[in-house]
Amino acid sequence: MTTKTGKIQNIAAWIISGLLLALFLFSASGKLFLHPEQMEQMKLGDWRVIIALGEIASSLLFLFPKTNKYGVLLLSSYMGGAIILHMTGGISIIMPSVVLILVWVVLYLRNPDFYKL
């Protein structure tokens, strides 16, 4: 039997996951179709398709509870790279940092025992 707190955690995890999925899919579509020139400016134009496909695959793994841990690992690596690119480009790191924290929050909501030693 699921407790009320467990149901609220589950709903919160699904809502945040859905919002993050939308964010990552929008970001990937921008790399593929909308603003490929931004990737050229960062000297990643040759890699934009691979990066976008990796972003899509990682976010889909992240969405589903059974593969959530793998998605968190991949998205944490991806967002770490985004933070580094923002730092070297003189861009604010607030947005990628908040997204990374939200990825970890979903991991905690879905797997609270993950953080226990």
N, C-alpha and C. Protein backbone atom coordinates (compact mmCIF):
# COMPACT_ATOMS: atom_id res chain seq x y z
N MET A 1 0.84 -1.18 0.00
CA MET A 1 0.00 0.00 0.00
C MET A 1 0.89 1.24 0.00
N THR A 2 0.61 2.16 -0.85
CA THR A 2 1.39 3.39 -0.97
C THR A 2 0.82 4.44 -0.02
N THR A 3 1.71 5.13 0.69
CA THR A 3 1.26 6.17 1.59
C THR A 3 0.95 7.44 0.79
N LYS A 4 0.29 8.39 1.48
CA LYS A 4 -0.03 9.65 0.82
C LYS A 4 1.23 10.39 0.41
N THR A 5 2.26 10.35 1.29
CA THR A 5 3.53 10.99 0.97
C THR A 5 4.18 10.34 -0.25
N GLY A 6 4.09 9.02 -0.34
CA GLY A 6 4.64 8.31 -1.48
C GLY A 6 3.95 8.68 -2.78
N LYS A 7 2.63 8.86 -2.70
CA LYS A 7 1.88 9.26 -3.90
C LYS A 7 2.27 10.68 -4.33
N ILE A 8 2.42 11.57 -3.36
CA ILE A 8 2.81 12.94 -3.67
C ILE A 8 4.21 12.98 -4.27
N GLN A 9 5.12 12.19 -3.71
CA GLN A 9 6.48 12.11 -4.27
C GLN A 9 6.45 11.60 -5.70
N ASN A 10 5.64 10.58 -5.93
CA ASN A 10 5.55 9.99 -7.27
C ASN A 10 4.99 11.00 -8.27
N ILE A 11 3.95 11.72 -7.87
CA ILE A 11 3.36 12.74 -8.76
C ILE A 11 4.35 13.85 -9.03
N ALA A 12 5.04 14.30 -7.98
CA ALA A 12 6.04 15.36 -8.14
C ALA A 12 7.17 14.91 -9.07
N ALA A 13 7.60 13.66 -8.90
CA ALA A 13 8.67 13.14 -9.76
C ALA A 13 8.23 13.10 -11.22
N TRP A 14 6.98 12.67 -11.47
CA TRP A 14 6.49 12.63 -12.85
C TRP A 14 6.35 14.02 -13.45
N ILE A 15 5.89 14.98 -12.66
CA ILE A 15 5.72 16.34 -13.16
C ILE A 15 7.07 16.95 -13.51
N ILE A 16 8.03 16.84 -12.59
CA ILE A 16 9.36 17.41 -12.85
C ILE A 16 10.02 16.69 -14.02
N SER A 17 9.88 15.37 -14.08
CA SER A 17 10.45 14.60 -15.20
C SER A 17 9.86 15.03 -16.53
N GLY A 18 8.54 15.23 -16.55
CA GLY A 18 7.89 15.67 -17.79
C GLY A 18 8.36 17.04 -18.23
N LEU A 19 8.51 17.95 -17.27
CA LEU A 19 9.00 19.29 -17.60
C LEU A 19 10.44 19.25 -18.10
N LEU A 20 11.25 18.44 -17.45
CA LEU A 20 12.65 18.31 -17.90
C LEU A 20 12.73 17.65 -19.27
N LEU A 21 11.87 16.65 -19.51
CA LEU A 21 11.83 16.02 -20.83
C LEU A 21 11.49 17.05 -21.90
N ALA A 22 10.49 17.89 -21.62
CA ALA A 22 10.12 18.93 -22.58
C ALA A 22 11.28 19.89 -22.83
N LEU A 23 11.97 20.25 -21.76
CA LEU A 23 13.13 21.16 -21.88
C LEU A 23 14.23 20.53 -22.74
N PHE A 24 14.56 19.27 -22.46
CA PHE A 24 15.63 18.61 -23.21
C PHE A 24 15.23 18.37 -24.67
N LEU A 25 13.97 18.02 -24.92
CA LEU A 25 13.53 17.82 -26.30
C LEU A 25 13.54 19.14 -27.07
N PHE A 26 13.13 20.22 -26.42
CA PHE A 26 13.20 21.53 -27.06
C PHE A 26 14.64 21.92 -27.36
N SER A 27 15.53 21.65 -26.41
CA SER A 27 16.95 21.95 -26.60
C SER A 27 17.53 21.13 -27.75
N ALA A 28 17.18 19.85 -27.81
CA ALA A 28 17.68 18.99 -28.89
C ALA A 28 17.13 19.42 -30.24
N SER A 29 15.85 19.81 -30.28
CA SER A 29 15.29 20.26 -31.56
C SER A 29 15.94 21.56 -32.00
N GLY A 30 16.33 22.41 -31.06
CA GLY A 30 17.06 23.63 -31.42
C GLY A 30 18.40 23.32 -32.04
N LYS A 31 19.07 22.31 -31.50
CA LYS A 31 20.36 21.90 -32.05
C LYS A 31 20.20 21.33 -33.46
N LEU A 32 19.13 20.59 -33.65
CA LEU A 32 18.92 19.93 -34.94
C LEU A 32 18.33 20.85 -36.00
N PHE A 33 17.34 21.65 -35.62
CA PHE A 33 16.58 22.37 -36.63
C PHE A 33 16.55 23.88 -36.49
N LEU A 34 16.44 24.40 -35.28
CA LEU A 34 16.13 25.82 -35.10
C LEU A 34 17.35 26.73 -35.14
N HIS A 35 18.36 26.40 -34.35
CA HIS A 35 19.52 27.29 -34.22
C HIS A 35 20.85 26.53 -34.32
N PRO A 36 21.11 25.87 -35.42
CA PRO A 36 22.39 25.14 -35.54
C PRO A 36 23.59 26.07 -35.53
N GLU A 37 23.38 27.37 -35.84
CA GLU A 37 24.51 28.31 -35.85
C GLU A 37 25.09 28.53 -34.47
N GLN A 38 24.29 28.31 -33.42
CA GLN A 38 24.82 28.43 -32.06
C GLN A 38 25.88 27.36 -31.80
N MET A 39 25.66 26.18 -32.31
CA MET A 39 26.65 25.11 -32.15
C MET A 39 27.91 25.43 -32.93
N GLU A 40 27.76 26.09 -34.07
CA GLU A 40 28.92 26.51 -34.86
C GLU A 40 29.76 27.53 -34.08
N GLN A 41 29.09 28.45 -33.39
CA GLN A 41 29.80 29.46 -32.60
C GLN A 41 30.62 28.83 -31.48
N MET A 42 30.13 27.73 -30.93
CA MET A 42 30.85 27.03 -29.86
C MET A 42 31.85 26.02 -30.40
N LYS A 43 32.00 26.00 -31.72
CA LYS A 43 32.90 25.08 -32.41
C LYS A 43 32.48 23.61 -32.21
N LEU A 44 31.16 23.39 -32.12
CA LEU A 44 30.63 22.05 -31.97
C LEU A 44 29.69 21.69 -33.12
N GLY A 45 29.79 22.41 -34.22
CA GLY A 45 28.90 22.21 -35.35
C GLY A 45 28.94 20.81 -35.92
N ASP A 46 30.12 20.20 -35.95
CA ASP A 46 30.25 18.85 -36.49
C ASP A 46 29.61 17.81 -35.57
N TRP A 47 29.42 18.15 -34.30
CA TRP A 47 28.92 17.22 -33.31
C TRP A 47 27.46 17.45 -32.94
N ARG A 48 26.82 18.44 -33.55
CA ARG A 48 25.49 18.83 -33.09
C ARG A 48 24.46 17.73 -33.21
N VAL A 49 24.50 16.93 -34.25
CA VAL A 49 23.52 15.85 -34.41
C VAL A 49 23.75 14.77 -33.34
N ILE A 50 24.99 14.41 -33.11
CA ILE A 50 25.31 13.40 -32.10
C ILE A 50 24.92 13.90 -30.71
N ILE A 51 25.21 15.17 -30.42
CA ILE A 51 24.86 15.74 -29.12
C ILE A 51 23.35 15.75 -28.95
N ALA A 52 22.62 16.16 -29.97
CA ALA A 52 21.16 16.22 -29.89
C ALA A 52 20.55 14.83 -29.71
N LEU A 53 21.04 13.85 -30.45
CA LEU A 53 20.53 12.48 -30.30
C LEU A 53 20.85 11.91 -28.93
N GLY A 54 22.03 12.21 -28.41
CA GLY A 54 22.38 11.79 -27.06
C GLY A 54 21.50 12.43 -26.01
N GLU A 55 21.17 13.70 -26.23
CA GLU A 55 20.29 14.41 -25.32
C GLU A 55 18.88 13.79 -25.32
N ILE A 56 18.39 13.45 -26.49
CA ILE A 56 17.07 12.82 -26.60
C ILE A 56 17.08 11.45 -25.92
N ALA A 57 18.08 10.63 -26.22
CA ALA A 57 18.15 9.30 -25.63
C ALA A 57 18.28 9.37 -24.11
N SER A 58 19.13 10.27 -23.62
CA SER A 58 19.32 10.40 -22.18
C SER A 58 18.05 10.85 -21.49
N SER A 59 17.34 11.79 -22.09
CA SER A 59 16.12 12.28 -21.46
C SER A 59 15.02 11.23 -21.47
N LEU A 60 14.96 10.39 -22.49
CA LEU A 60 13.98 9.31 -22.50
C LEU A 60 14.31 8.24 -21.46
N LEU A 61 15.59 7.93 -21.29
CA LEU A 61 15.99 7.01 -20.23
C LEU A 61 15.64 7.58 -18.86
N PHE A 62 15.80 8.89 -18.73
CA PHE A 62 15.52 9.58 -17.47
C PHE A 62 14.03 9.56 -17.14
N LEU A 63 13.18 9.58 -18.12
CA LEU A 63 11.73 9.71 -17.90
C LEU A 63 11.15 8.50 -17.19
N PHE A 64 11.57 7.31 -17.56
CA PHE A 64 10.95 6.10 -17.04
C PHE A 64 11.65 5.60 -15.78
N PRO A 65 10.86 5.22 -14.76
CA PRO A 65 11.45 4.82 -13.47
C PRO A 65 12.46 3.67 -13.54
N LYS A 66 12.24 2.70 -14.42
CA LYS A 66 13.16 1.56 -14.48
C LYS A 66 14.54 1.93 -15.02
N THR A 67 14.60 2.94 -15.88
CA THR A 67 15.88 3.35 -16.47
C THR A 67 16.32 4.72 -15.97
N ASN A 68 15.64 5.22 -14.93
CA ASN A 68 15.91 6.56 -14.42
C ASN A 68 17.35 6.74 -13.98
N LYS A 69 17.93 5.75 -13.34
CA LYS A 69 19.31 5.88 -12.83
C LYS A 69 20.30 6.07 -13.98
N TYR A 70 20.08 5.38 -15.09
CA TYR A 70 20.97 5.53 -16.24
C TYR A 70 20.80 6.91 -16.87
N GLY A 71 19.56 7.35 -16.95
CA GLY A 71 19.28 8.68 -17.47
C GLY A 71 19.90 9.77 -16.61
N VAL A 72 19.83 9.60 -15.29
CA VAL A 72 20.44 10.58 -14.37
C VAL A 72 21.95 10.62 -14.59
N LEU A 73 22.57 9.48 -14.73
CA LEU A 73 24.02 9.44 -14.97
C LEU A 73 24.38 10.18 -16.26
N LEU A 74 23.65 9.89 -17.33
CA LEU A 74 23.94 10.52 -18.62
C LEU A 74 23.62 12.01 -18.61
N LEU A 75 22.49 12.39 -18.03
CA LEU A 75 22.13 13.80 -17.99
C LEU A 75 23.04 14.60 -17.06
N SER A 76 23.52 13.97 -15.99
CA SER A 76 24.47 14.65 -15.12
C SER A 76 25.77 14.95 -15.87
N SER A 77 26.21 14.00 -16.66
CA SER A 77 27.41 14.21 -17.48
C SER A 77 27.16 15.29 -18.52
N TYR A 78 26.00 15.23 -19.16
CA TYR A 78 25.66 16.22 -20.18
C TYR A 78 25.59 17.63 -19.59
N MET A 79 24.91 17.76 -18.45
CA MET A 79 24.77 19.07 -17.83
C MET A 79 26.11 19.56 -17.26
N GLY A 80 26.96 18.64 -16.83
CA GLY A 80 28.31 19.03 -16.42
C GLY A 80 29.07 19.65 -17.58
N GLY A 81 28.94 19.05 -18.75
CA GLY A 81 29.57 19.62 -19.94
C GLY A 81 28.98 20.96 -20.30
N ALA A 82 27.66 21.10 -20.13
CA ALA A 82 27.01 22.39 -20.41
C ALA A 82 27.52 23.47 -19.45
N ILE A 83 27.70 23.10 -18.19
CA ILE A 83 28.22 24.06 -17.21
C ILE A 83 29.63 24.50 -17.59
N ILE A 84 30.45 23.56 -18.00
CA ILE A 84 31.83 23.89 -18.42
C ILE A 84 31.81 24.81 -19.63
N LEU A 85 30.96 24.51 -20.63
CA LEU A 85 30.86 25.38 -21.80
C LEU A 85 30.39 26.78 -21.43
N HIS A 86 29.46 26.87 -20.51
CA HIS A 86 28.99 28.18 -20.07
C HIS A 86 30.09 28.93 -19.34
N MET A 87 30.86 28.23 -18.52
CA MET A 87 31.94 28.88 -17.78
C MET A 87 33.03 29.39 -18.72
N THR A 88 33.40 28.59 -19.70
CA THR A 88 34.46 29.01 -20.61
C THR A 88 33.99 30.08 -21.59
N GLY A 89 32.67 30.14 -21.82
CA GLY A 89 32.12 31.14 -22.73
C GLY A 89 31.70 32.42 -22.03
N GLY A 90 31.86 32.48 -20.72
CA GLY A 90 31.48 33.67 -19.98
C GLY A 90 29.98 33.83 -19.85
N ILE A 91 29.24 32.72 -19.93
CA ILE A 91 27.78 32.74 -19.82
C ILE A 91 27.41 32.29 -18.41
N SER A 92 26.29 32.77 -17.90
CA SER A 92 25.83 32.40 -16.56
C SER A 92 25.60 30.88 -16.47
N ILE A 93 26.01 30.30 -15.36
CA ILE A 93 25.84 28.86 -15.17
C ILE A 93 24.60 28.54 -14.34
N ILE A 94 23.77 29.53 -14.07
CA ILE A 94 22.61 29.31 -13.21
C ILE A 94 21.63 28.31 -13.84
N MET A 95 21.27 28.51 -15.09
CA MET A 95 20.27 27.63 -15.72
C MET A 95 20.73 26.17 -15.78
N PRO A 96 21.92 25.86 -16.31
CA PRO A 96 22.30 24.44 -16.32
C PRO A 96 22.46 23.86 -14.92
N SER A 97 22.85 24.68 -13.96
CA SER A 97 22.99 24.20 -12.58
C SER A 97 21.63 23.86 -11.98
N VAL A 98 20.64 24.70 -12.22
CA VAL A 98 19.28 24.43 -11.72
C VAL A 98 18.72 23.17 -12.37
N VAL A 99 18.94 23.01 -13.66
CA VAL A 99 18.46 21.81 -14.35
C VAL A 99 19.13 20.57 -13.78
N LEU A 100 20.43 20.64 -13.52
CA LEU A 100 21.15 19.51 -12.94
C LEU A 100 20.61 19.17 -11.56
N ILE A 101 20.34 20.17 -10.75
CA ILE A 101 19.78 19.93 -9.41
C ILE A 101 18.40 19.28 -9.52
N LEU A 102 17.59 19.72 -10.47
CA LEU A 102 16.27 19.11 -10.66
C LEU A 102 16.38 17.64 -11.10
N VAL A 103 17.38 17.33 -11.90
CA VAL A 103 17.61 15.94 -12.29
C VAL A 103 17.90 15.11 -11.04
N TRP A 104 18.72 15.64 -10.14
CA TRP A 104 19.05 14.92 -8.90
C TRP A 104 17.84 14.83 -7.96
N VAL A 105 17.00 15.86 -7.95
CA VAL A 105 15.79 15.83 -7.12
C VAL A 105 14.88 14.69 -7.58
N VAL A 106 14.72 14.54 -8.88
CA VAL A 106 13.89 13.44 -9.40
C VAL A 106 14.49 12.10 -9.01
N LEU A 107 15.80 11.97 -9.08
CA LEU A 107 16.44 10.72 -8.65
C LEU A 107 16.10 10.43 -7.20
N TYR A 108 16.16 11.46 -6.35
CA TYR A 108 15.84 11.26 -4.94
C TYR A 108 14.36 10.91 -4.75
N LEU A 109 13.48 11.58 -5.45
CA LEU A 109 12.05 11.30 -5.30
C LEU A 109 11.69 9.89 -5.73
N ARG A 110 12.34 9.40 -6.77
CA ARG A 110 12.03 8.06 -7.26
C ARG A 110 12.80 6.97 -6.52
N ASN A 111 13.98 7.29 -6.02
CA ASN A 111 14.84 6.30 -5.36
C ASN A 111 15.41 6.89 -4.07
N PRO A 112 14.59 7.08 -3.02
CA PRO A 112 15.10 7.72 -1.81
C PRO A 112 16.23 6.93 -1.13
N ASP A 113 16.28 5.62 -1.35
CA ASP A 113 17.35 4.81 -0.74
C ASP A 113 18.68 4.97 -1.47
N PHE A 114 18.67 5.57 -2.63
CA PHE A 114 19.89 5.74 -3.42
C PHE A 114 20.96 6.54 -2.68
N TYR A 115 20.53 7.51 -1.89
CA TYR A 115 21.48 8.39 -1.21
C TYR A 115 21.90 7.88 0.16
N LYS A 116 21.33 6.78 0.62
CA LYS A 116 21.72 6.24 1.92
C LYS A 116 23.03 5.47 1.79
N LEU A 117 23.88 5.64 2.77
CA LEU A 117 25.17 4.94 2.74
C LEU A 117 25.10 3.59 3.35
